[in-house]
Amino acid sequence: MKILVLTAPEVEELLSMKDCIEVMAAALAALARNEVVLPLRSVLRPANAKGLMAMMPAYRRGEENAFGLKAICVFPENSRLGKDAHQGFVMLFSGQTGEPLALMNASAITAIRTAAVSALATRLLSREDAADLAIIGAGVQARTHLSAISCVRRLKRARVVSKNYEHARQLATEMKDRFPFPIEPLQSVEQTVRGADLIVTATTSQEPVLKREWLAPGTHINAIGTYSPTAREIDGATMAAARIYVDRRESALNEAGDYVIAAKDGLIGPEKIRGEIGELLIGEKSGRTSPHEITVFKSLGLAIEDVASAQYLFTKAQSQSRGTWIDF
């Protein structure tokens, strides 16, 4: 028996953003059709540790049945070392025999699939003429979201802001030749998001970085930075005013601080979550109903997104004889 090992550069080469958007669409539709078994993630947060470890298992039924597990450490301060905050593996197992099939770089998969899901949500929920993108945060996800959102909307400009202005400036310099629209680094969050049609919050903030009074009518927000019930990027007033969509309702009710804190404050309840992205894809729920609504997609990241990515990569690596195959 051989196991496939894929490094970060190999994942990035084999999993294009355009392809990943469609892989995510198929995975989230399968989730909405109850073709996926998906427990809540298990998180180990040792006292005084610099980071945490999350275990994210999933099982996919049907012809493409497989088990998968992402084991990942999240170290928010890694950016100071020039490293991704997410470090770990995605493991793929046969749904027929349980044999391990592959071990893949989780940082690369997470970076691509998270942005691909945001792009999918943007395609489903934002106005079709949305063209002005604002990104709060200047890390790995800011970079992949520039690529992802430009796949689904014809952008005219992008603005980026970070706690450290130099990081925003570096991102704009690095990415400017990759896109036909200007990328402008700014120092103020309010200045960055004023007038934007599309907003991505990709921060490690524990407190809101986005306020309702800064938002234009018809804005769509992809909130992807927080994954804890005690941290949020979006203020309660925005959550109360918006139509809210999630990748998975159970995860949002238990893990999304953007929702949980606003609910504890009495501003919203479970009925405020209008649907899951998969439910929109299979026609069970409706999306935006007017060009003036504010829509929020709260992304937590799901194990099925990692497993679907791993399945796609495994098949492609097999067909192209890519990666390293190790006797096991």
C-alpha atoms as a PDB file:
ATOM      1  CA  MET A   1       0.000   0.000   0.000  1.00  0.00           C
ATOM      2  CA  LYS A   2       1.222   3.492  -0.854  1.00  0.00           C
ATOM      3  CA  ILE A   3       0.280   6.829   0.693  1.00  0.00           C
ATOM      4  CA  LEU A   4       0.307  10.068  -1.275  1.00  0.00           C
ATOM      5  CA  VAL A   5       2.110  13.010   0.315  1.00  0.00           C
ATOM      6  CA  LEU A   6       1.451  16.498  -1.095  1.00  0.00           C
ATOM      7  CA  THR A   7       3.479  19.521  -0.071  1.00  0.00           C
ATOM      8  CA  ALA A   8       2.129  23.063   0.061  1.00  0.00           C
ATOM      9  CA  PRO A   9       3.533  24.016  -3.392  1.00  0.00           C
ATOM     10  CA  GLU A  10       2.044  20.834  -4.887  1.00  0.00           C
ATOM     11  CA  VAL A  11      -1.374  21.587  -3.372  1.00  0.00           C
ATOM     12  CA  GLU A  12      -1.232  25.153  -4.714  1.00  0.00           C
ATOM     13  CA  GLU A  13      -0.297  23.932  -8.189  1.00  0.00           C
ATOM     14  CA  LEU A  14      -2.933  21.195  -8.400  1.00  0.00           C
ATOM     15  CA  LEU A  15      -5.868  23.020  -6.750  1.00  0.00           C
ATOM     16  CA  SER A  16      -6.716  26.125  -8.745  1.00  0.00           C
ATOM     17  CA  MET A  17      -9.081  28.647  -7.210  1.00  0.00           C
ATOM     18  CA  LYS A  18     -11.631  28.299 -10.018  1.00  0.00           C
ATOM     19  CA  ASP A  19     -11.681  24.534  -9.660  1.00  0.00           C
ATOM     20  CA  CYS A  20     -11.872  24.734  -5.870  1.00  0.00           C
ATOM     21  CA  ILE A  21     -14.956  26.961  -6.007  1.00  0.00           C
ATOM     22  CA  GLU A  22     -16.806  24.215  -7.883  1.00  0.00           C
ATOM     23  CA  VAL A  23     -15.429  21.497  -5.585  1.00  0.00           C
ATOM     24  CA  MET A  24     -16.778  23.479  -2.618  1.00  0.00           C
ATOM     25  CA  ALA A  25     -20.151  23.907  -4.315  1.00  0.00           C
ATOM     26  CA  ALA A  26     -20.457  20.137  -4.732  1.00  0.00           C
ATOM     27  CA  ALA A  27     -19.340  19.472  -1.141  1.00  0.00           C
ATOM     28  CA  LEU A  28     -21.717  21.976   0.467  1.00  0.00           C
ATOM     29  CA  ALA A  29     -24.611  20.773  -1.684  1.00  0.00           C
ATOM     30  CA  ALA A  30     -23.851  17.229  -0.485  1.00  0.00           C
ATOM     31  CA  LEU A  31     -23.910  18.506   3.092  1.00  0.00           C
ATOM     32  CA  ALA A  32     -27.333  20.075   2.521  1.00  0.00           C
ATOM     33  CA  ARG A  33     -28.591  16.755   1.103  1.00  0.00           C
ATOM     34  CA  ASN A  34     -27.495  14.940   4.300  1.00  0.00           C
ATOM     35  CA  GLU A  35     -24.791  13.033   2.445  1.00  0.00           C
ATOM     36  CA  VAL A  36     -22.138  14.079   4.974  1.00  0.00           C
ATOM     37  CA  VAL A  37     -21.512  13.118   8.610  1.00  0.00           C
ATOM     38  CA  LEU A  38     -19.872  16.102  10.270  1.00  0.00           C
ATOM     39  CA  PRO A  39     -19.293  16.339  14.027  1.00  0.00           C
ATOM     40  CA  LEU A  40     -18.390  19.660  15.555  1.00  0.00           C
ATOM     41  CA  ARG A  41     -14.649  20.265  15.693  1.00  0.00           C
ATOM     42  CA  SER A  42     -12.805  19.351  18.856  1.00  0.00           C
ATOM     43  CA  VAL A  43     -10.495  22.107  20.092  1.00  0.00           C
ATOM     44  CA  LEU A  44      -7.643  21.738  22.574  1.00  0.00           C
ATOM     45  CA  ARG A  45      -6.762  25.095  24.200  1.00  0.00           C
ATOM     46  CA  PRO A  46      -4.073  24.479  26.841  1.00  0.00           C
ATOM     47  CA  ALA A  47      -3.613  27.252  29.381  1.00  0.00           C
ATOM     48  CA  ASN A  48      -0.676  29.508  28.561  1.00  0.00           C
ATOM     49  CA  ALA A  49      -0.020  27.801  25.202  1.00  0.00           C
ATOM     50  CA  LYS A  50       0.803  30.054  22.267  1.00  0.00           C
ATOM     51  CA  GLY A  51      -1.794  28.344  20.099  1.00  0.00           C
ATOM     52  CA  LEU A  52      -4.442  25.631  19.945  1.00  0.00           C
ATOM     53  CA  MET A  53      -5.072  22.347  18.164  1.00  0.00           C
ATOM     54  CA  ALA A  54      -8.311  21.510  16.334  1.00  0.00           C
ATOM     55  CA  MET A  55      -9.431  18.081  15.135  1.00  0.00           C
ATOM     56  CA  MET A  56     -11.942  18.138  12.290  1.00  0.00           C
ATOM     57  CA  PRO A  57     -13.293  14.764  11.051  1.00  0.00           C
ATOM     58  CA  ALA A  58     -15.848  14.129   8.323  1.00  0.00           C
ATOM     59  CA  TYR A  59     -17.376  11.250   6.371  1.00  0.00           C
ATOM     60  CA  ARG A  60     -18.794  11.574   2.864  1.00  0.00           C
ATOM     61  CA  ARG A  61     -21.411   9.069   1.732  1.00  0.00           C
ATOM     62  CA  GLY A  62     -22.235   7.907  -1.789  1.00  0.00           C
ATOM     63  CA  GLU A  63     -20.018   6.976  -4.719  1.00  0.00           C
ATOM     64  CA  GLU A  64     -17.290   9.319  -3.467  1.00  0.00           C
ATOM     65  CA  ASN A  65     -17.412   7.965   0.069  1.00  0.00           C
ATOM     66  CA  ALA A  66     -14.363   8.644   2.173  1.00  0.00           C
ATOM     67  CA  PHE A  67     -13.261   9.439   5.675  1.00  0.00           C
ATOM     68  CA  GLY A  68     -11.093  12.455   6.298  1.00  0.00           C
ATOM     69  CA  LEU A  69      -9.512  14.320   9.167  1.00  0.00           C
ATOM     70  CA  LYS A  70      -7.835  17.677   9.442  1.00  0.00           C
ATOM     71  CA  ALA A  71      -5.508  18.030  12.414  1.00  0.00           C
ATOM     72  CA  ILE A  72      -4.405  21.607  12.631  1.00  0.00           C
ATOM     73  CA  CYS A  73      -2.665  23.957  15.027  1.00  0.00           C
ATOM     74  CA  VAL A  74      -3.582  27.634  14.979  1.00  0.00           C
ATOM     75  CA  PHE A  75      -0.899  30.044  16.195  1.00  0.00           C
ATOM     76  CA  PRO A  76      -2.141  33.637  15.673  1.00  0.00           C
ATOM     77  CA  GLU A  77       1.295  35.182  16.201  1.00  0.00           C
ATOM     78  CA  ASN A  78       2.912  33.174  13.412  1.00  0.00           C
ATOM     79  CA  SER A  79       2.624  36.136  11.036  1.00  0.00           C
ATOM     80  CA  ARG A  80       5.420  37.789  13.005  1.00  0.00           C
ATOM     81  CA  LEU A  81       7.624  34.869  11.989  1.00  0.00           C
ATOM     82  CA  GLY A  82       6.541  34.989   8.360  1.00  0.00           C
ATOM     83  CA  LYS A  83       4.528  31.791   8.766  1.00  0.00           C
ATOM     84  CA  ASP A  84       0.876  30.896   8.214  1.00  0.00           C
ATOM     85  CA  ALA A  85      -1.195  30.840  11.403  1.00  0.00           C
ATOM     86  CA  HIS A  86      -2.556  27.428  10.339  1.00  0.00           C
ATOM     87  CA  GLN A  87      -0.194  24.443  10.510  1.00  0.00           C
ATOM     88  CA  GLY A  88      -1.141  20.799  10.071  1.00  0.00           C
ATOM     89  CA  PHE A  89      -2.262  17.937   7.868  1.00  0.00           C
ATOM     90  CA  VAL A  90      -5.340  16.796   5.994  1.00  0.00           C
ATOM     91  CA  MET A  91      -5.589  12.993   6.023  1.00  0.00           C
ATOM     92  CA  LEU A  92      -7.715  11.026   3.564  1.00  0.00           C
ATOM     93  CA  PHE A  93      -8.902   7.454   4.171  1.00  0.00           C
ATOM     94  CA  SER A  94     -10.689   4.960   1.927  1.00  0.00           C
ATOM     95  CA  GLY A  95     -14.398   4.705   2.571  1.00  0.00           C
ATOM     96  CA  GLN A  96     -14.257   1.050   1.463  1.00  0.00           C
ATOM     97  CA  THR A  97     -11.414  -0.332   3.575  1.00  0.00           C
ATOM     98  CA  GLY A  98     -10.362   2.464   5.926  1.00  0.00           C
ATOM     99  CA  GLU A  99      -6.841   2.401   4.509  1.00  0.00           C
ATOM    100  CA  PRO A 100      -4.976   5.707   4.671  1.00  0.00           C
ATOM    101  CA  LEU A 101      -4.678   7.209   1.207  1.00  0.00           C
ATOM    102  CA  ALA A 102      -3.037  10.603   1.564  1.00  0.00           C
ATOM    103  CA  LEU A 103      -1.364  13.136   3.809  1.00  0.00           C
ATOM    104  CA  MET A 104      -1.563  16.732   2.550  1.00  0.00           C
ATOM    105  CA  ASN A 105      -0.429  20.150   3.687  1.00  0.00           C
ATOM    106  CA  ALA A 106      -3.361  21.668   5.602  1.00  0.00           C
ATOM    107  CA  SER A 107      -2.150  25.270   5.454  1.00  0.00           C
ATOM    108  CA  ALA A 108      -2.333  25.308   1.661  1.00  0.00           C
ATOM    109  CA  ILE A 109      -5.690  23.532   1.515  1.00  0.00           C
ATOM    110  CA  THR A 110      -7.186  25.798   4.179  1.00  0.00           C
ATOM    111  CA  ALA A 111      -5.969  28.955   2.449  1.00  0.00           C
ATOM    112  CA  ILE A 112      -7.508  27.976  -0.882  1.00  0.00           C
ATOM    113  CA  ARG A 113     -10.749  26.322   0.194  1.00  0.00           C
ATOM    114  CA  THR A 114     -11.678  29.046   2.704  1.00  0.00           C
ATOM    115  CA  ALA A 115     -11.425  31.717   0.029  1.00  0.00           C
ATOM    116  CA  ALA A 116     -13.215  29.483  -2.469  1.00  0.00           C
ATOM    117  CA  VAL A 117     -16.202  29.130  -0.115  1.00  0.00           C
ATOM    118  CA  SER A 118     -16.284  32.921   0.330  1.00  0.00           C
ATOM    119  CA  ALA A 119     -16.276  33.301  -3.448  1.00  0.00           C
ATOM    120  CA  LEU A 120     -19.152  30.846  -3.688  1.00  0.00           C
ATOM    121  CA  ALA A 121     -21.099  32.821  -1.077  1.00  0.00           C
ATOM    122  CA  THR A 122     -20.268  36.051  -2.917  1.00  0.00           C
ATOM    123  CA  ARG A 123     -21.561  34.577  -6.171  1.00  0.00           C
ATOM    124  CA  LEU A 124     -24.809  33.546  -4.480  1.00  0.00           C
ATOM    125  CA  LEU A 125     -25.438  36.552  -2.221  1.00  0.00           C
ATOM    126  CA  SER A 126     -23.785  39.724  -3.480  1.00  0.00           C
ATOM    127  CA  ARG A 127     -25.196  42.076  -6.094  1.00  0.00           C
ATOM    128  CA  GLU A 128     -24.099  41.083  -9.576  1.00  0.00           C
ATOM    129  CA  ASP A 129     -22.702  44.583 -10.153  1.00  0.00           C
ATOM    130  CA  ALA A 130     -20.624  44.546  -6.947  1.00  0.00           C
ATOM    131  CA  ALA A 131     -17.146  45.720  -7.934  1.00  0.00           C
ATOM    132  CA  ASP A 132     -15.533  47.518  -4.972  1.00  0.00           C
ATOM    133  CA  LEU A 133     -13.758  45.144  -2.559  1.00  0.00           C
ATOM    134  CA  ALA A 134     -12.492  45.982   0.938  1.00  0.00           C
ATOM    135  CA  ILE A 135     -10.343  43.528   2.894  1.00  0.00           C
ATOM    136  CA  ILE A 136      -9.643  43.904   6.600  1.00  0.00           C
ATOM    137  CA  GLY A 137      -6.467  41.951   7.297  1.00  0.00           C
ATOM    138  CA  ALA A 138      -3.332  41.475   5.224  1.00  0.00           C
ATOM    139  CA  GLY A 139      -2.324  37.870   5.821  1.00  0.00           C
ATOM    140  CA  VAL A 140      -2.637  34.643   3.852  1.00  0.00           C
ATOM    141  CA  GLN A 141      -6.429  34.835   3.589  1.00  0.00           C
ATOM    142  CA  ALA A 142      -6.328  38.411   2.292  1.00  0.00           C
ATOM    143  CA  ARG A 143      -4.199  37.164  -0.594  1.00  0.00           C
ATOM    144  CA  THR A 144      -6.330  34.144  -1.468  1.00  0.00           C
ATOM    145  CA  HIS A 145      -9.535  36.174  -1.151  1.00  0.00           C
ATOM    146  CA  LEU A 146      -8.303  38.690  -3.705  1.00  0.00           C
ATOM    147  CA  SER A 147      -7.939  35.825  -6.138  1.00  0.00           C
ATOM    148  CA  ALA A 148     -11.192  34.126  -5.156  1.00  0.00           C
ATOM    149  CA  ILE A 149     -13.502  37.151  -5.233  1.00  0.00           C
ATOM    150  CA  SER A 150     -12.064  38.249  -8.575  1.00  0.00           C
ATOM    151  CA  CYS A 151     -13.142  34.861  -9.969  1.00  0.00           C
ATOM    152  CA  VAL A 152     -16.839  35.602  -9.356  1.00  0.00           C
ATOM    153  CA  ARG A 153     -17.151  39.398  -9.649  1.00  0.00           C
ATOM    154  CA  ARG A 154     -15.619  41.876 -12.096  1.00  0.00           C
ATOM    155  CA  LEU A 155     -13.731  44.018  -9.595  1.00  0.00           C
ATOM    156  CA  LYS A 156     -12.827  47.627 -10.300  1.00  0.00           C
ATOM    157  CA  ARG A 157     -10.705  48.197  -7.206  1.00  0.00           C
ATOM    158  CA  ALA A 158      -9.626  46.683  -3.904  1.00  0.00           C
ATOM    159  CA  ARG A 159      -8.657  48.376  -0.636  1.00  0.00           C
ATOM    160  CA  VAL A 160      -6.709  46.643   2.139  1.00  0.00           C
ATOM    161  CA  VAL A 161      -6.178  47.616   5.762  1.00  0.00           C
ATOM    162  CA  SER A 162      -4.180  45.996   8.560  1.00  0.00           C
ATOM    163  CA  LYS A 163      -3.244  46.770  12.150  1.00  0.00           C
ATOM    164  CA  ASN A 164       0.267  47.133  10.738  1.00  0.00           C
ATOM    165  CA  TYR A 165       0.099  49.441   7.723  1.00  0.00           C
ATOM    166  CA  GLU A 166       3.358  48.034   6.389  1.00  0.00           C
ATOM    167  CA  HIS A 167       1.694  44.629   5.997  1.00  0.00           C
ATOM    168  CA  ALA A 168      -1.090  46.160   3.903  1.00  0.00           C
ATOM    169  CA  ARG A 169       1.469  48.022   1.808  1.00  0.00           C
ATOM    170  CA  GLN A 170       3.477  44.840   1.256  1.00  0.00           C
ATOM    171  CA  LEU A 171       0.361  42.965   0.156  1.00  0.00           C
ATOM    172  CA  ALA A 172      -0.583  45.689  -2.343  1.00  0.00           C
ATOM    173  CA  THR A 173       2.940  45.753  -3.773  1.00  0.00           C
ATOM    174  CA  GLU A 174       3.134  41.971  -4.008  1.00  0.00           C
ATOM    175  CA  MET A 175      -0.264  41.511  -5.672  1.00  0.00           C
ATOM    176  CA  LYS A 176      -0.583  44.593  -7.900  1.00  0.00           C
ATOM    177  CA  ASP A 177       0.705  42.938 -11.086  1.00  0.00           C
ATOM    178  CA  ARG A 178      -1.568  39.909 -10.726  1.00  0.00           C
ATOM    179  CA  PHE A 179      -4.857  41.761 -11.214  1.00  0.00           C
ATOM    180  CA  PRO A 180      -6.206  44.342 -13.676  1.00  0.00           C
ATOM    181  CA  PHE A 181      -7.637  46.529 -10.882  1.00  0.00           C
ATOM    182  CA  PRO A 182      -5.768  48.758  -8.403  1.00  0.00           C
ATOM    183  CA  ILE A 183      -5.061  47.541  -4.856  1.00  0.00           C
ATOM    184  CA  GLU A 184      -4.761  50.376  -2.354  1.00  0.00           C
ATOM    185  CA  PRO A 185      -3.328  49.999   1.169  1.00  0.00           C
ATOM    186  CA  LEU A 186      -4.981  52.180   3.817  1.00  0.00           C
ATOM    187  CA  GLN A 187      -4.538  52.844   7.532  1.00  0.00           C
ATOM    188  CA  SER A 188      -8.173  53.272   8.616  1.00  0.00           C
ATOM    189  CA  VAL A 189     -10.774  50.486   8.644  1.00  0.00           C
ATOM    190  CA  GLU A 190     -13.576  53.024   8.260  1.00  0.00           C
ATOM    191  CA  GLN A 191     -11.880  54.624   5.238  1.00  0.00           C
ATOM    192  CA  THR A 192     -11.297  51.181   3.732  1.00  0.00           C
ATOM    193  CA  VAL A 193     -14.888  49.956   3.941  1.00  0.00           C
ATOM    194  CA  ARG A 194     -16.793  53.167   3.211  1.00  0.00           C
ATOM    195  CA  GLY A 195     -18.596  52.710  -0.109  1.00  0.00           C
ATOM    196  CA  ALA A 196     -17.452  49.111  -0.590  1.00  0.00           C
ATOM    197  CA  ASP A 197     -19.832  46.610  -2.205  1.00  0.00           C
ATOM    198  CA  LEU A 198     -17.896  43.607  -0.908  1.00  0.00           C
ATOM    199  CA  ILE A 199     -16.081  43.258   2.416  1.00  0.00           C
ATOM    200  CA  VAL A 200     -13.867  40.465   3.722  1.00  0.00           C
ATOM    201  CA  THR A 201     -12.924  40.395   7.399  1.00  0.00           C
ATOM    202  CA  ALA A 202      -9.833  38.208   7.760  1.00  0.00           C
ATOM    203  CA  THR A 203      -8.390  39.126  11.132  1.00  0.00           C
ATOM    204  CA  THR A 204      -7.469  37.543  14.454  1.00  0.00           C
ATOM    205  CA  SER A 205      -9.349  40.236  16.352  1.00  0.00           C
ATOM    206  CA  GLN A 206     -11.295  39.384  19.492  1.00  0.00           C
ATOM    207  CA  GLU A 207     -13.450  42.511  19.221  1.00  0.00           C
ATOM    208  CA  PRO A 208     -15.475  43.931  16.288  1.00  0.00           C
ATOM    209  CA  VAL A 209     -13.465  45.559  13.532  1.00  0.00           C
ATOM    210  CA  LEU A 210     -16.545  46.403  11.432  1.00  0.00           C
ATOM    211  CA  LYS A 211     -19.333  48.793  12.443  1.00  0.00           C
ATOM    212  CA  ARG A 212     -22.839  49.119  11.027  1.00  0.00           C
ATOM    213  CA  GLU A 213     -22.625  52.899  10.440  1.00  0.00           C
ATOM    214  CA  TRP A 214     -19.750  52.421   7.984  1.00  0.00           C
ATOM    215  CA  LEU A 215     -21.684  50.115   5.642  1.00  0.00           C
ATOM    216  CA  ALA A 216     -23.386  51.125   2.425  1.00  0.00           C
ATOM    217  CA  PRO A 217     -26.777  49.657   1.469  1.00  0.00           C
ATOM    218  CA  GLY A 218     -26.420  46.430  -0.500  1.00  0.00           C
ATOM    219  CA  THR A 219     -23.042  45.446   0.950  1.00  0.00           C
ATOM    220  CA  HIS A 220     -22.087  41.779   1.132  1.00  0.00           C
ATOM    221  CA  ILE A 221     -19.701  40.701   3.920  1.00  0.00           C
ATOM    222  CA  ASN A 222     -17.624  37.518   4.122  1.00  0.00           C
ATOM    223  CA  ALA A 223     -16.642  37.129   7.794  1.00  0.00           C
ATOM    224  CA  ILE A 224     -13.929  34.491   7.941  1.00  0.00           C
ATOM    225  CA  GLY A 225     -11.410  35.421  10.623  1.00  0.00           C
ATOM    226  CA  THR A 226     -12.894  34.164  13.897  1.00  0.00           C
ATOM    227  CA  TYR A 227     -13.852  30.620  14.883  1.00  0.00           C
ATOM    228  CA  SER A 228     -14.473  30.957  18.625  1.00  0.00           C
ATOM    229  CA  PRO A 229     -17.722  31.730  20.469  1.00  0.00           C
ATOM    230  CA  THR A 230     -15.863  34.403  22.461  1.00  0.00           C
ATOM    231  CA  ALA A 231     -14.382  36.374  19.527  1.00  0.00           C
ATOM    232  CA  ARG A 232     -16.048  38.401  16.786  1.00  0.00           C
ATOM    233  CA  GLU A 233     -15.201  40.693  13.880  1.00  0.00           C
ATOM    234  CA  ILE A 234     -18.713  42.024  13.185  1.00  0.00           C
ATOM    235  CA  ASP A 235     -20.603  44.261  15.611  1.00  0.00           C
ATOM    236  CA  GLY A 236     -24.041  43.314  16.883  1.00  0.00           C
ATOM    237  CA  ALA A 237     -25.784  46.137  15.018  1.00  0.00           C
ATOM    238  CA  THR A 238     -24.544  44.791  11.693  1.00  0.00           C
ATOM    239  CA  MET A 239     -25.620  41.247  12.560  1.00  0.00           C
ATOM    240  CA  ALA A 240     -29.068  42.545  13.531  1.00  0.00           C
ATOM    241  CA  ALA A 241     -29.434  44.515  10.293  1.00  0.00           C
ATOM    242  CA  ALA A 242     -28.177  41.831   7.890  1.00  0.00           C
ATOM    243  CA  ARG A 243     -29.499  38.703   6.265  1.00  0.00           C
ATOM    244  CA  ILE A 244     -27.146  36.085   7.741  1.00  0.00           C
ATOM    245  CA  TYR A 245     -25.954  32.935   5.972  1.00  0.00           C
ATOM    246  CA  VAL A 246     -23.521  30.286   7.194  1.00  0.00           C
ATOM    247  CA  ASP A 247     -21.623  27.257   5.978  1.00  0.00           C
ATOM    248  CA  ARG A 248     -23.360  25.150   8.629  1.00  0.00           C
ATOM    249  CA  ARG A 249     -26.054  26.197  11.080  1.00  0.00           C
ATOM    250  CA  GLU A 250     -25.018  23.908  13.959  1.00  0.00           C
ATOM    251  CA  SER A 251     -21.437  25.135  13.782  1.00  0.00           C
ATOM    252  CA  ALA A 252     -22.511  28.779  13.715  1.00  0.00           C
ATOM    253  CA  LEU A 253     -24.798  28.419  16.727  1.00  0.00           C
ATOM    254  CA  ASN A 254     -22.006  26.824  18.755  1.00  0.00           C
ATOM    255  CA  GLU A 255     -18.774  28.333  17.449  1.00  0.00           C
ATOM    256  CA  ALA A 256     -19.374  31.681  15.739  1.00  0.00           C
ATOM    257  CA  GLY A 257     -18.750  34.540  18.151  1.00  0.00           C
ATOM    258  CA  ASP A 258     -20.188  36.971  15.605  1.00  0.00           C
ATOM    259  CA  TYR A 259     -23.538  35.203  16.084  1.00  0.00           C
ATOM    260  CA  VAL A 260     -23.183  33.923  19.679  1.00  0.00           C
ATOM    261  CA  ILE A 261     -22.299  37.276  21.248  1.00  0.00           C
ATOM    262  CA  ALA A 262     -25.018  39.164  19.369  1.00  0.00           C
ATOM    263  CA  ALA A 263     -27.508  36.498  20.468  1.00  0.00           C
ATOM    264  CA  LYS A 264     -26.395  36.769  24.110  1.00  0.00           C
ATOM    265  CA  ASP A 265     -26.940  40.523  23.838  1.00  0.00           C
ATOM    266  CA  GLY A 266     -30.517  39.843  22.739  1.00  0.00           C
ATOM    267  CA  LEU A 267     -30.024  41.344  19.273  1.00  0.00           C
ATOM    268  CA  ILE A 268     -30.679  38.226  17.195  1.00  0.00           C
ATOM    269  CA  GLY A 269     -31.962  34.665  17.516  1.00  0.00           C
ATOM    270  CA  PRO A 270     -31.577  31.399  15.560  1.00  0.00           C
ATOM    271  CA  GLU A 271     -34.230  32.480  13.066  1.00  0.00           C
ATOM    272  CA  LYS A 272     -31.887  35.264  11.950  1.00  0.00           C
ATOM    273  CA  ILE A 273     -29.759  32.691  10.146  1.00  0.00           C
ATOM    274  CA  ARG A 274     -31.568  32.551   6.812  1.00  0.00           C
ATOM    275  CA  GLY A 275     -29.802  29.499   5.447  1.00  0.00           C
ATOM    276  CA  GLU A 276     -26.695  27.525   4.721  1.00  0.00           C
ATOM    277  CA  ILE A 277     -24.762  27.977   1.495  1.00  0.00           C
ATOM    278  CA  GLY A 278     -25.555  24.380   0.547  1.00  0.00           C
ATOM    279  CA  GLU A 279     -29.275  25.029   1.028  1.00  0.00           C
ATOM    280  CA  LEU A 280     -29.030  27.926  -1.421  1.00  0.00           C
ATOM    281  CA  LEU A 281     -27.276  25.659  -3.917  1.00  0.00           C
ATOM    282  CA  ILE A 282     -29.995  22.985  -3.845  1.00  0.00           C
ATOM    283  CA  GLY A 283     -32.825  25.540  -3.840  1.00  0.00           C
ATOM    284  CA  GLU A 284     -34.127  24.939  -0.313  1.00  0.00           C
ATOM    285  CA  LYS A 285     -33.468  28.520   0.831  1.00  0.00           C
ATOM    286  CA  SER A 286     -33.513  31.908  -0.869  1.00  0.00           C
ATOM    287  CA  GLY A 287     -30.715  34.458  -0.911  1.00  0.00           C
ATOM    288  CA  ARG A 288     -30.677  38.217  -1.406  1.00  0.00           C
ATOM    289  CA  THR A 289     -34.155  39.652  -2.005  1.00  0.00           C
ATOM    290  CA  SER A 290     -33.253  43.271  -2.866  1.00  0.00           C
ATOM    291  CA  PRO A 291     -30.223  45.295  -3.992  1.00  0.00           C
ATOM    292  CA  HIS A 292     -30.356  47.290  -0.751  1.00  0.00           C
ATOM    293  CA  GLU A 293     -30.025  44.453   1.769  1.00  0.00           C
ATOM    294  CA  ILE A 294     -26.845  43.854   3.718  1.00  0.00           C
ATOM    295  CA  THR A 295     -25.857  40.194   3.584  1.00  0.00           C
ATOM    296  CA  VAL A 296     -23.352  38.431   5.839  1.00  0.00           C
ATOM    297  CA  PHE A 297     -21.751  35.071   5.198  1.00  0.00           C
ATOM    298  CA  LYS A 298     -20.245  33.783   8.430  1.00  0.00           C
ATOM    299  CA  SER A 299     -17.640  31.173   7.552  1.00  0.00           C
ATOM    300  CA  LEU A 300     -16.253  28.803  10.160  1.00  0.00           C
ATOM    301  CA  GLY A 301     -14.575  26.290   7.883  1.00  0.00           C
ATOM    302  CA  LEU A 302     -15.827  22.705   7.747  1.00  0.00           C
ATOM    303  CA  ALA A 303     -14.033  19.383   7.626  1.00  0.00           C
ATOM    304  CA  ILE A 304     -16.025  18.358   4.544  1.00  0.00           C
ATOM    305  CA  GLU A 305     -14.399  21.261   2.694  1.00  0.00           C
ATOM    306  CA  ASP A 306     -10.985  19.807   3.532  1.00  0.00           C
ATOM    307  CA  VAL A 307     -12.038  16.252   2.687  1.00  0.00           C
ATOM    308  CA  ALA A 308     -13.542  17.289  -0.663  1.00  0.00           C
ATOM    309  CA  SER A 309     -10.371  19.215  -1.485  1.00  0.00           C
ATOM    310  CA  ALA A 310      -8.272  16.179  -0.543  1.00  0.00           C
ATOM    311  CA  GLN A 311     -10.392  13.886  -2.712  1.00  0.00           C
ATOM    312  CA  TYR A 312      -9.994  16.213  -5.685  1.00  0.00           C
ATOM    313  CA  LEU A 313      -6.245  16.483  -5.117  1.00  0.00           C
ATOM    314  CA  PHE A 314      -5.844  12.722  -4.690  1.00  0.00           C
ATOM    315  CA  THR A 315      -7.601  11.982  -7.979  1.00  0.00           C
ATOM    316  CA  LYS A 316      -5.672  14.668  -9.849  1.00  0.00           C
ATOM    317  CA  ALA A 317      -2.324  13.612  -8.404  1.00  0.00           C
ATOM    318  CA  GLN A 318      -3.047  10.015  -9.406  1.00  0.00           C
ATOM    319  CA  SER A 319      -3.955  10.970 -12.985  1.00  0.00           C
ATOM    320  CA  GLN A 320      -0.889  13.202 -13.391  1.00  0.00           C
ATOM    321  CA  SER A 321       1.568  11.043 -11.398  1.00  0.00           C
ATOM    322  CA  ARG A 322       2.240  13.925  -9.041  1.00  0.00           C
ATOM    323  CA  GLY A 323       3.306  14.075  -5.412  1.00  0.00           C
ATOM    324  CA  THR A 324       5.343  11.581  -3.444  1.00  0.00           C
ATOM    325  CA  TRP A 325       4.012   8.051  -3.038  1.00  0.00           C
ATOM    326  CA  ILE A 326       5.365   6.293   0.044  1.00  0.00           C
ATOM    327  CA  ASP A 327       5.155   2.607   0.943  1.00  0.00           C
ATOM    328  CA  PHE A 328       3.208   2.236   4.178  1.00  0.00           C
END
